[in-house]
């Protein structure tokens, strides 16, 4: 029996959630692309990636293109699984809130 999806505390911060969501749409992305698309500073993205790497959500690969150093990041299989569970839990919370509010008046008297 599998556990019910739960919120993942490692991606509750909006920046971390944005990074894993972005990476879920690709196989791998270079640091500059993630930084530019999410409009983050180098230091903010670097700190975020370090934290996500520690929790096993992302893998960081370093190398060179010609003589220039490059960093690539990807969402791990575990990161994809945990993101899916987090999003499912958020959807369940939102659906529950909508259901509870359904019997309340929709207009101010």
PDB file of N, CA and C in Angstrom:
ATOM      1  N   UNK A   1       0.847  -1.168   0.000  1.00  0.00           N
ATOM      2  CA  UNK A   1       0.000   0.000   0.000  1.00  0.00           C
ATOM      3  C   UNK A   1       0.898   1.239   0.000  1.00  0.00           C
ATOM      4  N   UNK A   2       0.671   2.149  -0.926  1.00  0.00           N
ATOM      5  CA  UNK A   2       1.519   3.336  -1.014  1.00  0.00           C
ATOM      6  C   UNK A   2       0.954   4.461  -0.156  1.00  0.00           C
ATOM      7  N   UNK A   3       1.857   5.322   0.292  1.00  0.00           N
ATOM      8  CA  UNK A   3       1.463   6.450   1.137  1.00  0.00           C
ATOM      9  C   UNK A   3       0.734   7.494   0.303  1.00  0.00           C
ATOM     10  N   UNK A   4      -0.171   8.204   0.951  1.00  0.00           N
ATOM     11  CA  UNK A   4      -0.903   9.278   0.291  1.00  0.00           C
ATOM     12  C   UNK A   4       0.063  10.421  -0.005  1.00  0.00           C
ATOM     13  N   UNK A   5      -0.048  11.081  -1.170  1.00  0.00           N
ATOM     14  CA  UNK A   5       0.846  12.198  -1.481  1.00  0.00           C
ATOM     15  C   UNK A   5       0.780  13.273  -0.406  1.00  0.00           C
ATOM     16  N   UNK A   6       1.932  13.835  -0.090  1.00  0.00           N
ATOM     17  CA  UNK A   6       2.019  14.860   0.949  1.00  0.00           C
ATOM     18  C   UNK A   6       2.827  16.043   0.441  1.00  0.00           C
ATOM     19  N   UNK A   7       2.604  17.187   1.074  1.00  0.00           N
ATOM     20  CA  UNK A   7       3.404  18.362   0.750  1.00  0.00           C
ATOM     21  C   UNK A   7       4.868  18.054   1.056  1.00  0.00           C
ATOM     22  N   UNK A   8       5.732  18.520   0.201  1.00  0.00           N
ATOM     23  CA  UNK A   8       7.170  18.302   0.364  1.00  0.00           C
ATOM     24  C   UNK A   8       7.781  19.585   0.923  1.00  0.00           C
ATOM     25  N   UNK A   9       8.216  19.566   2.192  1.00  0.00           N
ATOM     26  CA  UNK A   9       8.761  20.790   2.787  1.00  0.00           C
ATOM     27  C   UNK A   9       9.972  21.339   2.044  1.00  0.00           C
ATOM     28  N   UNK A  10      10.685  20.483   1.329  1.00  0.00           N
ATOM     29  CA  UNK A  10      11.891  20.924   0.613  1.00  0.00           C
ATOM     30  C   UNK A  10      11.567  21.829  -0.569  1.00  0.00           C
ATOM     31  N   UNK A  11      10.326  21.812  -1.053  1.00  0.00           N
ATOM     32  CA  UNK A  11       9.981  22.660  -2.206  1.00  0.00           C
ATOM     33  C   UNK A  11       8.835  23.613  -1.906  1.00  0.00           C
ATOM     34  N   UNK A  12       8.560  23.862  -0.639  1.00  0.00           N
ATOM     35  CA  UNK A  12       7.475  24.782  -0.310  1.00  0.00           C
ATOM     36  C   UNK A  12       7.844  26.243  -0.555  1.00  0.00           C
ATOM     37  N   UNK A  13       9.124  26.574  -0.505  1.00  0.00           N
ATOM     38  CA  UNK A  13       9.528  27.959  -0.803  1.00  0.00           C
ATOM     39  C   UNK A  13       9.276  28.218  -2.293  1.00  0.00           C
ATOM     40  N   UNK A  14       8.696  29.365  -2.633  1.00  0.00           N
ATOM     41  CA  UNK A  14       8.358  29.643  -4.033  1.00  0.00           C
ATOM     42  C   UNK A  14       9.533  29.510  -5.011  1.00  0.00           C
ATOM     43  N   UNK A  15      10.729  29.913  -4.612  1.00  0.00           N
ATOM     44  CA  UNK A  15      11.875  29.818  -5.520  1.00  0.00           C
ATOM     45  C   UNK A  15      12.234  28.360  -5.781  1.00  0.00           C
ATOM     46  N   UNK A  16      12.244  27.556  -4.732  1.00  0.00           N
ATOM     47  CA  UNK A  16      12.557  26.136  -4.912  1.00  0.00           C
ATOM     48  C   UNK A  16      11.497  25.452  -5.768  1.00  0.00           C
ATOM     49  N   UNK A  17      10.238  25.780  -5.522  1.00  0.00           N
ATOM     50  CA  UNK A  17       9.160  25.195  -6.320  1.00  0.00           C
ATOM     51  C   UNK A  17       9.288  25.616  -7.777  1.00  0.00           C
ATOM     52  N   UNK A  18       9.629  26.868  -8.022  1.00  0.00           N
ATOM     53  CA  UNK A  18       9.798  27.353  -9.399  1.00  0.00           C
ATOM     54  C   UNK A  18      10.936  26.615 -10.099  1.00  0.00           C
ATOM     55  N   UNK A  19      12.031  26.379  -9.395  1.00  0.00           N
ATOM     56  CA  UNK A  19      13.179  25.684  -9.999  1.00  0.00           C
ATOM     57  C   UNK A  19      12.813  24.243 -10.353  1.00  0.00           C
ATOM     58  N   UNK A  20      12.214  23.510  -9.416  1.00  0.00           N
ATOM     59  CA  UNK A  20      11.890  22.110  -9.723  1.00  0.00           C
ATOM     60  C   UNK A  20      10.802  22.025 -10.784  1.00  0.00           C
ATOM     61  N   UNK A  21       9.852  22.954 -10.767  1.00  0.00           N
ATOM     62  CA  UNK A  21       8.818  22.959 -11.802  1.00  0.00           C
ATOM     63  C   UNK A  21       9.440  23.222 -13.173  1.00  0.00           C
ATOM     64  N   UNK A  22      10.350  24.186 -13.240  1.00  0.00           N
ATOM     65  CA  UNK A  22      11.023  24.478 -14.508  1.00  0.00           C
ATOM     66  C   UNK A  22      11.795  23.254 -15.004  1.00  0.00           C
ATOM     67  N   UNK A  23      12.552  22.644 -14.098  1.00  0.00           N
ATOM     68  CA  UNK A  23      13.363  21.487 -14.489  1.00  0.00           C
ATOM     69  C   UNK A  23      12.518  20.277 -14.853  1.00  0.00           C
ATOM     70  N   UNK A  24      11.285  20.214 -14.359  1.00  0.00           N
ATOM     71  CA  UNK A  24      10.425  19.080 -14.694  1.00  0.00           C
ATOM     72  C   UNK A  24      10.034  19.099 -16.171  1.00  0.00           C
ATOM     73  N   UNK A  25      10.182  20.245 -16.803  1.00  0.00           N
ATOM     74  CA  UNK A  25       9.831  20.373 -18.214  1.00  0.00           C
ATOM     75  C   UNK A  25      10.964  20.100 -19.174  1.00  0.00           C
ATOM     76  N   UNK A  26      12.120  19.698 -18.667  1.00  0.00           N
ATOM     77  CA  UNK A  26      13.258  19.439 -19.550  1.00  0.00           C
ATOM     78  C   UNK A  26      14.121  18.313 -18.981  1.00  0.00           C
ATOM     79  N   UNK A  27      14.998  17.804 -19.799  1.00  0.00           N
ATOM     80  CA  UNK A  27      15.915  16.756 -19.346  1.00  0.00           C
ATOM     81  C   UNK A  27      17.012  17.365 -18.496  1.00  0.00           C
ATOM     82  N   UNK A  28      17.542  18.497 -18.963  1.00  0.00           N
ATOM     83  CA  UNK A  28      18.655  19.163 -18.299  1.00  0.00           C
ATOM     84  C   UNK A  28      18.677  20.611 -18.772  1.00  0.00           C
ATOM     85  N   UNK A  29      19.126  21.513 -17.914  1.00  0.00           N
ATOM     86  CA  UNK A  29      19.235  22.917 -18.307  1.00  0.00           C
ATOM     87  C   UNK A  29      20.523  23.487 -17.739  1.00  0.00           C
ATOM     88  N   UNK A  30      21.114  24.415 -18.474  1.00  0.00           N
ATOM     89  CA  UNK A  30      22.325  25.041 -17.947  1.00  0.00           C
ATOM     90  C   UNK A  30      21.944  26.134 -16.953  1.00  0.00           C
ATOM     91  N   UNK A  31      22.863  26.416 -16.063  1.00  0.00           N
ATOM     92  CA  UNK A  31      22.655  27.366 -14.973  1.00  0.00           C
ATOM     93  C   UNK A  31      22.114  28.696 -15.493  1.00  0.00           C
ATOM     94  N   UNK A  32      22.746  29.212 -16.555  1.00  0.00           N
ATOM     95  CA  UNK A  32      22.371  30.520 -17.102  1.00  0.00           C
ATOM     96  C   UNK A  32      20.920  30.525 -17.577  1.00  0.00           C
ATOM     97  N   UNK A  33      20.478  29.466 -18.219  1.00  0.00           N
ATOM     98  CA  UNK A  33      19.103  29.391 -18.711  1.00  0.00           C
ATOM     99  C   UNK A  33      18.115  29.399 -17.551  1.00  0.00           C
ATOM    100  N   UNK A  34      18.382  28.599 -16.527  1.00  0.00           N
ATOM    101  CA  UNK A  34      17.493  28.569 -15.358  1.00  0.00           C
ATOM    102  C   UNK A  34      17.458  29.946 -14.706  1.00  0.00           C
ATOM    103  N   UNK A  35      18.627  30.529 -14.511  1.00  0.00           N
ATOM    104  CA  UNK A  35      18.725  31.856 -13.889  1.00  0.00           C
ATOM    105  C   UNK A  35      17.915  32.890 -14.670  1.00  0.00           C
ATOM    106  N   UNK A  36      18.112  32.926 -15.971  1.00  0.00           N
ATOM    107  CA  UNK A  36      17.452  33.934 -16.800  1.00  0.00           C
ATOM    108  C   UNK A  36      15.951  33.713 -16.903  1.00  0.00           C
ATOM    109  N   UNK A  37      15.528  32.475 -17.099  1.00  0.00           N
ATOM    110  CA  UNK A  37      14.093  32.186 -17.251  1.00  0.00           C
ATOM    111  C   UNK A  37      13.315  32.444 -15.972  1.00  0.00           C
ATOM    112  N   UNK A  38      13.950  32.176 -14.822  1.00  0.00           N
ATOM    113  CA  UNK A  38      13.265  32.371 -13.545  1.00  0.00           C
ATOM    114  C   UNK A  38      13.570  33.736 -12.923  1.00  0.00           C
ATOM    115  N   UNK A  39      14.390  34.516 -13.625  1.00  0.00           N
ATOM    116  CA  UNK A  39      14.753  35.872 -13.186  1.00  0.00           C
ATOM    117  C   UNK A  39      15.311  35.877 -11.767  1.00  0.00           C
ATOM    118  N   UNK A  40      16.321  35.043 -11.559  1.00  0.00           N
ATOM    119  CA  UNK A  40      16.993  34.933 -10.265  1.00  0.00           C
ATOM    120  C   UNK A  40      18.404  35.489 -10.370  1.00  0.00           C
ATOM    121  N   UNK A  41      18.979  35.853  -9.249  1.00  0.00           N
ATOM    122  CA  UNK A  41      20.387  36.240  -9.237  1.00  0.00           C
ATOM    123  C   UNK A  41      21.232  34.967  -9.197  1.00  0.00           C
ATOM    124  N   UNK A  42      22.492  35.095  -9.557  1.00  0.00           N
ATOM    125  CA  UNK A  42      23.400  33.953  -9.486  1.00  0.00           C
ATOM    126  C   UNK A  42      23.429  33.358  -8.081  1.00  0.00           C
ATOM    127  N   UNK A  43      23.549  34.227  -7.078  1.00  0.00           N
ATOM    128  CA  UNK A  43      23.668  33.733  -5.708  1.00  0.00           C
ATOM    129  C   UNK A  43      22.378  33.065  -5.233  1.00  0.00           C
ATOM    130  N   UNK A  44      21.224  33.620  -5.593  1.00  0.00           N
ATOM    131  CA  UNK A  44      19.952  33.014  -5.181  1.00  0.00           C
ATOM    132  C   UNK A  44      19.785  31.635  -5.818  1.00  0.00           C
ATOM    133  N   UNK A  45      20.108  31.523  -7.098  1.00  0.00           N
ATOM    134  CA  UNK A  45      19.982  30.226  -7.763  1.00  0.00           C
ATOM    135  C   UNK A  45      20.999  29.238  -7.218  1.00  0.00           C
ATOM    136  N   UNK A  46      22.204  29.683  -6.982  1.00  0.00           N
ATOM    137  CA  UNK A  46      23.237  28.817  -6.443  1.00  0.00           C
ATOM    138  C   UNK A  46      22.828  28.247  -5.083  1.00  0.00           C
ATOM    139  N   UNK A  47      22.332  29.093  -4.194  1.00  0.00           N
ATOM    140  CA  UNK A  47      21.873  28.634  -2.863  1.00  0.00           C
ATOM    141  C   UNK A  47      20.707  27.669  -2.999  1.00  0.00           C
ATOM    142  N   UNK A  48      19.784  27.997  -3.879  1.00  0.00           N
ATOM    143  CA  UNK A  48      18.606  27.152  -4.083  1.00  0.00           C
ATOM    144  C   UNK A  48      19.011  25.784  -4.598  1.00  0.00           C
ATOM    145  N   UNK A  49      19.900  25.763  -5.585  1.00  0.00           N
ATOM    146  CA  UNK A  49      20.350  24.482  -6.144  1.00  0.00           C
ATOM    147  C   UNK A  49      21.112  23.659  -5.118  1.00  0.00           C
ATOM    148  N   UNK A  50      21.913  24.316  -4.295  1.00  0.00           N
ATOM    149  CA  UNK A  50      22.645  23.591  -3.249  1.00  0.00           C
ATOM    150  C   UNK A  50      21.684  22.888  -2.306  1.00  0.00           C
ATOM    151  N   UNK A  51      20.653  23.596  -1.895  1.00  0.00           N
ATOM    152  CA  UNK A  51      19.661  23.008  -1.007  1.00  0.00           C
ATOM    153  C   UNK A  51      18.907  21.869  -1.662  1.00  0.00           C
ATOM    154  N   UNK A  52      18.523  22.051  -2.917  1.00  0.00           N
ATOM    155  CA  UNK A  52      17.793  21.003  -3.633  1.00  0.00           C
ATOM    156  C   UNK A  52      18.677  19.804  -3.948  1.00  0.00           C
ATOM    157  N   UNK A  53      19.965  20.039  -4.121  1.00  0.00           N
ATOM    158  CA  UNK A  53      20.899  18.933  -4.344  1.00  0.00           C
ATOM    159  C   UNK A  53      21.050  18.126  -3.046  1.00  0.00           C
ATOM    160  N   UNK A  54      21.114  18.820  -1.915  1.00  0.00           N
ATOM    161  CA  UNK A  54      21.217  18.153  -0.606  1.00  0.00           C
ATOM    162  C   UNK A  54      20.043  17.234  -0.335  1.00  0.00           C
ATOM    163  N   UNK A  55      18.857  17.662  -0.736  1.00  0.00           N
ATOM    164  CA  UNK A  55      17.657  16.859  -0.483  1.00  0.00           C
ATOM    165  C   UNK A  55      17.413  15.808  -1.567  1.00  0.00           C
ATOM    166  N   UNK A  56      18.260  15.773  -2.581  1.00  0.00           N
ATOM    167  CA  UNK A  56      18.129  14.759  -3.628  1.00  0.00           C
ATOM    168  C   UNK A  56      17.167  15.110  -4.739  1.00  0.00           C
ATOM    169  N   UNK A  57      16.707  16.352  -4.780  1.00  0.00           N
ATOM    170  CA  UNK A  57      15.769  16.761  -5.824  1.00  0.00           C
ATOM    171  C   UNK A  57      16.453  17.013  -7.167  1.00  0.00           C
ATOM    172  N   UNK A  58      17.653  17.567  -7.130  1.00  0.00           N
ATOM    173  CA  UNK A  58      18.348  17.895  -8.370  1.00  0.00           C
ATOM    174  C   UNK A  58      19.746  17.292  -8.389  1.00  0.00           C
ATOM    175  N   UNK A  59      20.237  17.109  -9.595  1.00  0.00           N
ATOM    176  CA  UNK A  59      21.623  16.697  -9.808  1.00  0.00           C
ATOM    177  C   UNK A  59      22.325  17.847 -10.515  1.00  0.00           C
ATOM    178  N   UNK A  60      23.533  18.133 -10.088  1.00  0.00           N
ATOM    179  CA  UNK A  60      24.328  19.214 -10.676  1.00  0.00           C
ATOM    180  C   UNK A  60      25.541  18.600 -11.346  1.00  0.00           C
ATOM    181  N   UNK A  61      25.755  18.995 -12.592  1.00  0.00           N
ATOM    182  CA  UNK A  61      26.892  18.484 -13.355  1.00  0.00           C
ATOM    183  C   UNK A  61      27.715  19.664 -13.830  1.00  0.00           C
ATOM    184  N   UNK A  62      29.009  19.588 -13.628  1.00  0.00           N
ATOM    185  CA  UNK A  62      29.900  20.668 -14.058  1.00  0.00           C
ATOM    186  C   UNK A  62      30.805  20.155 -15.172  1.00  0.00           C
ATOM    187  N   UNK A  63      31.128  21.052 -16.084  1.00  0.00           N
ATOM    188  CA  UNK A  63      31.996  20.694 -17.200  1.00  0.00           C
ATOM    189  C   UNK A  63      32.457  21.951 -17.920  1.00  0.00           C
ATOM    190  N   UNK A  64      32.934  21.752 -19.110  1.00  0.00           N
ATOM    191  CA  UNK A  64      33.439  22.870 -19.909  1.00  0.00           C
ATOM    192  C   UNK A  64      32.830  22.837 -21.291  1.00  0.00           C
ATOM    193  N   UNK A  65      32.609  24.008 -21.844  1.00  0.00           N
ATOM    194  CA  UNK A  65      32.271  24.176 -23.248  1.00  0.00           C
ATOM    195  C   UNK A  65      33.430  24.984 -23.793  1.00  0.00           C
ATOM    196  N   UNK A  66      34.280  24.317 -24.550  1.00  0.00           N
ATOM    197  CA  UNK A  66      35.546  24.937 -24.930  1.00  0.00           C
ATOM    198  C   UNK A  66      36.370  25.094 -23.668  1.00  0.00           C
ATOM    199  N   UNK A  67      36.789  26.298 -23.397  1.00  0.00           N
ATOM    200  CA  UNK A  67      37.562  26.553 -22.185  1.00  0.00           C
ATOM    201  C   UNK A  67      36.719  27.209 -21.088  1.00  0.00           C
ATOM    202  N   UNK A  68      35.434  27.368 -21.349  1.00  0.00           N
ATOM    203  CA  UNK A  68      34.565  28.039 -20.384  1.00  0.00           C
ATOM    204  C   UNK A  68      33.841  27.024 -19.498  1.00  0.00           C
ATOM    205  N   UNK A  69      33.887  27.249 -18.193  1.00  0.00           N
ATOM    206  CA  UNK A  69      33.183  26.340 -17.283  1.00  0.00           C
ATOM    207  C   UNK A  69      31.665  26.500 -17.416  1.00  0.00           C
ATOM    208  N   UNK A  70      30.959  25.390 -17.295  1.00  0.00           N
ATOM    209  CA  UNK A  70      29.495  25.405 -17.368  1.00  0.00           C
ATOM    210  C   UNK A  70      28.943  24.507 -16.270  1.00  0.00           C
ATOM    211  N   UNK A  71      27.743  24.832 -15.833  1.00  0.00           N
ATOM    212  CA  UNK A  71      27.032  24.023 -14.865  1.00  0.00           C
ATOM    213  C   UNK A  71      25.672  23.677 -15.450  1.00  0.00           C
ATOM    214  N   UNK A  72      25.329  22.390 -15.388  1.00  0.00           N
ATOM    215  CA  UNK A  72      24.032  21.914 -15.847  1.00  0.00           C
ATOM    216  C   UNK A  72      23.305  21.301 -14.668  1.00  0.00           C
ATOM    217  N   UNK A  73      22.003  21.465 -14.650  1.00  0.00           N
ATOM    218  CA  UNK A  73      21.198  20.894 -13.571  1.00  0.00           C
ATOM    219  C   UNK A  73      20.033  20.107 -14.155  1.00  0.00           C
ATOM    220  N   UNK A  74      19.638  19.087 -13.424  1.00  0.00           N
ATOM    221  CA  UNK A  74      18.503  18.275 -13.849  1.00  0.00           C
ATOM    222  C   UNK A  74      17.735  17.819 -12.620  1.00  0.00           C
ATOM    223  N   UNK A  75      16.477  17.545 -12.825  1.00  0.00           N
ATOM    224  CA  UNK A  75      15.633  17.012 -11.762  1.00  0.00           C
ATOM    225  C   UNK A  75      15.874  15.508 -11.701  1.00  0.00           C
ATOM    226  N   UNK A  76      16.124  14.990 -10.520  1.00  0.00           N
ATOM    227  CA  UNK A  76      16.341  13.554 -10.365  1.00  0.00           C
ATOM    228  C   UNK A  76      15.002  12.820 -10.443  1.00  0.00           C
ATOM    229  N   UNK A  77      15.057  11.513 -10.582  1.00  0.00           N
ATOM    230  CA  UNK A  77      13.827  10.711 -10.579  1.00  0.00           C
ATOM    231  C   UNK A  77      13.096  10.903  -9.252  1.00  0.00           C
ATOM    232  N   UNK A  78      13.835  10.942  -8.163  1.00  0.00           N
ATOM    233  CA  UNK A  78      13.242  11.181  -6.843  1.00  0.00           C
ATOM    234  C   UNK A  78      12.627  12.574  -6.780  1.00  0.00           C
ATOM    235  N   UNK A  79      13.305  13.558  -7.356  1.00  0.00           N
ATOM    236  CA  UNK A  79      12.779  14.915  -7.396  1.00  0.00           C
ATOM    237  C   UNK A  79      11.479  14.990  -8.176  1.00  0.00           C
ATOM    238  N   UNK A  80      11.407  14.268  -9.290  1.00  0.00           N
ATOM    239  CA  UNK A  80      10.179  14.236 -10.093  1.00  0.00           C
ATOM    240  C   UNK A  80       9.038  13.593  -9.308  1.00  0.00           C
ATOM    241  N   UNK A  81       9.340  12.504  -8.613  1.00  0.00           N
ATOM    242  CA  UNK A  81       8.334  11.801  -7.825  1.00  0.00           C
ATOM    243  C   UNK A  81       7.818  12.695  -6.699  1.00  0.00           C
ATOM    244  N   UNK A  82       8.736  13.363  -6.014  1.00  0.00           N
ATOM    245  CA  UNK A  82       8.346  14.215  -4.896  1.00  0.00           C
ATOM    246  C   UNK A  82       7.582  15.458  -5.360  1.00  0.00           C
ATOM    247  N   UNK A  83       7.957  16.016  -6.515  1.00  0.00           N
ATOM    248  CA  UNK A  83       7.216  17.151  -7.071  1.00  0.00           C
ATOM    249  C   UNK A  83       5.795  16.719  -7.415  1.00  0.00           C
ATOM    250  N   UNK A  84       5.643  15.570  -8.040  1.00  0.00           N
ATOM    251  CA  UNK A  84       4.313  15.077  -8.399  1.00  0.00           C
ATOM    252  C   UNK A  84       3.455  14.903  -7.144  1.00  0.00           C
ATOM    253  N   UNK A  85       4.031  14.350  -6.082  1.00  0.00           N
ATOM    254  CA  UNK A  85       3.295  14.191  -4.832  1.00  0.00           C
ATOM    255  C   UNK A  85       2.916  15.529  -4.219  1.00  0.00           C
ATOM    256  N   UNK A  86       3.830  16.483  -4.287  1.00  0.00           N
ATOM    257  CA  UNK A  86       3.583  17.825  -3.746  1.00  0.00           C
ATOM    258  C   UNK A  86       2.425  18.481  -4.502  1.00  0.00           C
ATOM    259  N   UNK A  87       2.452  18.407  -5.825  1.00  0.00           N
ATOM    260  CA  UNK A  87       1.394  19.022  -6.630  1.00  0.00           C
ATOM    261  C   UNK A  87       0.055  18.337  -6.404  1.00  0.00           C
ATOM    262  N   UNK A  88       0.068  17.022  -6.253  1.00  0.00           N
ATOM    263  CA  UNK A  88      -1.166  16.288  -5.963  1.00  0.00           C
ATOM    264  C   UNK A  88      -1.741  16.723  -4.624  1.00  0.00           C
ATOM    265  N   UNK A  89      -0.870  16.878  -3.626  1.00  0.00           N
ATOM    266  CA  UNK A  89      -1.325  17.331  -2.302  1.00  0.00           C
ATOM    267  C   UNK A  89      -1.899  18.747  -2.377  1.00  0.00           C
ATOM    268  N   UNK A  90      -1.260  19.639  -3.131  1.00  0.00           N
ATOM    269  CA  UNK A  90      -1.780  20.996  -3.294  1.00  0.00           C
ATOM    270  C   UNK A  90      -3.156  20.976  -3.960  1.00  0.00           C
ATOM    271  N   UNK A  91      -3.308  20.129  -4.982  1.00  0.00           N
ATOM    272  CA  UNK A  91      -4.601  20.023  -5.657  1.00  0.00           C
ATOM    273  C   UNK A  91      -5.675  19.494  -4.710  1.00  0.00           C
ATOM    274  N   UNK A  92      -5.311  18.534  -3.869  1.00  0.00           N
ATOM    275  CA  UNK A  92      -6.254  17.970  -2.905  1.00  0.00           C
ATOM    276  C   UNK A  92      -6.684  19.053  -1.893  1.00  0.00           C
ATOM    277  N   UNK A  93      -5.724  19.848  -1.426  1.00  0.00           N
ATOM    278  CA  UNK A  93      -6.033  20.931  -0.488  1.00  0.00           C
ATOM    279  C   UNK A  93      -6.971  21.942  -1.137  1.00  0.00           C
ATOM    280  N   UNK A  94      -6.667  22.341  -2.367  1.00  0.00           N
ATOM    281  CA  UNK A  94      -7.495  23.321  -3.073  1.00  0.00           C
ATOM    282  C   UNK A  94      -8.900  22.767  -3.316  1.00  0.00           C
ATOM    283  N   UNK A  95      -9.000  21.513  -3.720  1.00  0.00           N
ATOM    284  CA  UNK A  95     -10.307  20.899  -3.967  1.00  0.00           C
ATOM    285  C   UNK A  95     -11.119  20.827  -2.677  1.00  0.00           C
ATOM    286  N   UNK A  96     -10.468  20.491  -1.570  1.00  0.00           N
ATOM    287  CA  UNK A  96     -11.159  20.436  -0.285  1.00  0.00           C
ATOM    288  C   UNK A  96     -11.670  21.795   0.139  1.00  0.00           C
ATOM    289  N   UNK A  97     -10.858  22.818  -0.069  1.00  0.00           N
ATOM    290  CA  UNK A  97     -11.272  24.177   0.284  1.00  0.00           C
ATOM    291  C   UNK A  97     -12.456  24.623  -0.570  1.00  0.00           C
ATOM    292  N   UNK A  98     -12.412  24.317  -1.853  1.00  0.00           N
ATOM    293  CA  UNK A  98     -13.524  24.674  -2.738  1.00  0.00           C
ATOM    294  C   UNK A  98     -14.796  23.950  -2.323  1.00  0.00           C
ATOM    295  N   UNK A  99     -14.678  22.680  -1.975  1.00  0.00           N
ATOM    296  CA  UNK A  99     -15.845  21.902  -1.573  1.00  0.00           C
ATOM    297  C   UNK A  99     -16.447  22.465  -0.282  1.00  0.00           C
ATOM    298  N   UNK A 100     -15.614  22.862   0.659  1.00  0.00           N
ATOM    299  CA  UNK A 100     -16.111  23.423   1.917  1.00  0.00           C
ATOM    300  C   UNK A 100     -16.788  24.764   1.698  1.00  0.00           C
ATOM    301  N   UNK A 101     -16.296  25.526   0.725  1.00  0.00           N
ATOM    302  CA  UNK A 101     -16.860  26.856   0.469  1.00  0.00           C
ATOM    303  C   UNK A 101     -18.110  26.788  -0.417  1.00  0.00           C
ATOM    304  N   UNK A 102     -18.370  25.634  -1.020  1.00  0.00           N
ATOM    305  CA  UNK A 102     -19.473  25.518  -1.980  1.00  0.00           C
ATOM    306  C   UNK A 102     -20.831  25.832  -1.364  1.00  0.00           C
ATOM    307  N   UNK A 103     -21.013  25.547  -0.073  1.00  0.00           N
ATOM    308  CA  UNK A 103     -22.307  25.795   0.545  1.00  0.00           C
ATOM    309  C   UNK A 103     -22.433  27.183   1.165  1.00  0.00           C
ATOM    310  N   UNK A 104     -21.425  28.009   1.005  1.00  0.00           N
ATOM    311  CA  UNK A 104     -21.473  29.372   1.540  1.00  0.00           C
ATOM    312  C   UNK A 104     -22.069  30.313   0.500  1.00  0.00           C
ATOM    313  N   UNK A 105     -22.654  31.406   0.951  1.00  0.00           N
ATOM    314  CA  UNK A 105     -23.207  32.368  -0.014  1.00  0.00           C
ATOM    315  C   UNK A 105     -22.100  32.941  -0.906  1.00  0.00           C
ATOM    316  N   UNK A 106     -22.438  33.193  -2.145  1.00  0.00           N
ATOM    317  CA  UNK A 106     -21.459  33.726  -3.089  1.00  0.00           C
ATOM    318  C   UNK A 106     -21.538  35.231  -3.224  1.00  0.00           C
ATOM    319  N   UNK A 107     -22.583  35.844  -2.647  1.00  0.00           N
ATOM    320  CA  UNK A 107     -22.729  37.294  -2.710  1.00  0.00           C
ATOM    321  C   UNK A 107     -22.838  37.865  -1.309  1.00  0.00           C
ATOM    322  N   UNK A 108     -22.379  39.076  -1.152  1.00  0.00           N
ATOM    323  CA  UNK A 108     -22.488  39.759   0.129  1.00  0.00           C
ATOM    324  C   UNK A 108     -23.915  40.277   0.266  1.00  0.00           C
ATOM    325  N   UNK A 109     -24.557  39.997   1.422  1.00  0.00           N
ATOM    326  CA  UNK A 109     -25.972  40.455   1.586  1.00  0.00           C
ATOM    327  C   UNK A 109     -26.080  41.956   1.650  1.00  0.00           C
TER     328      UNK A 109
END
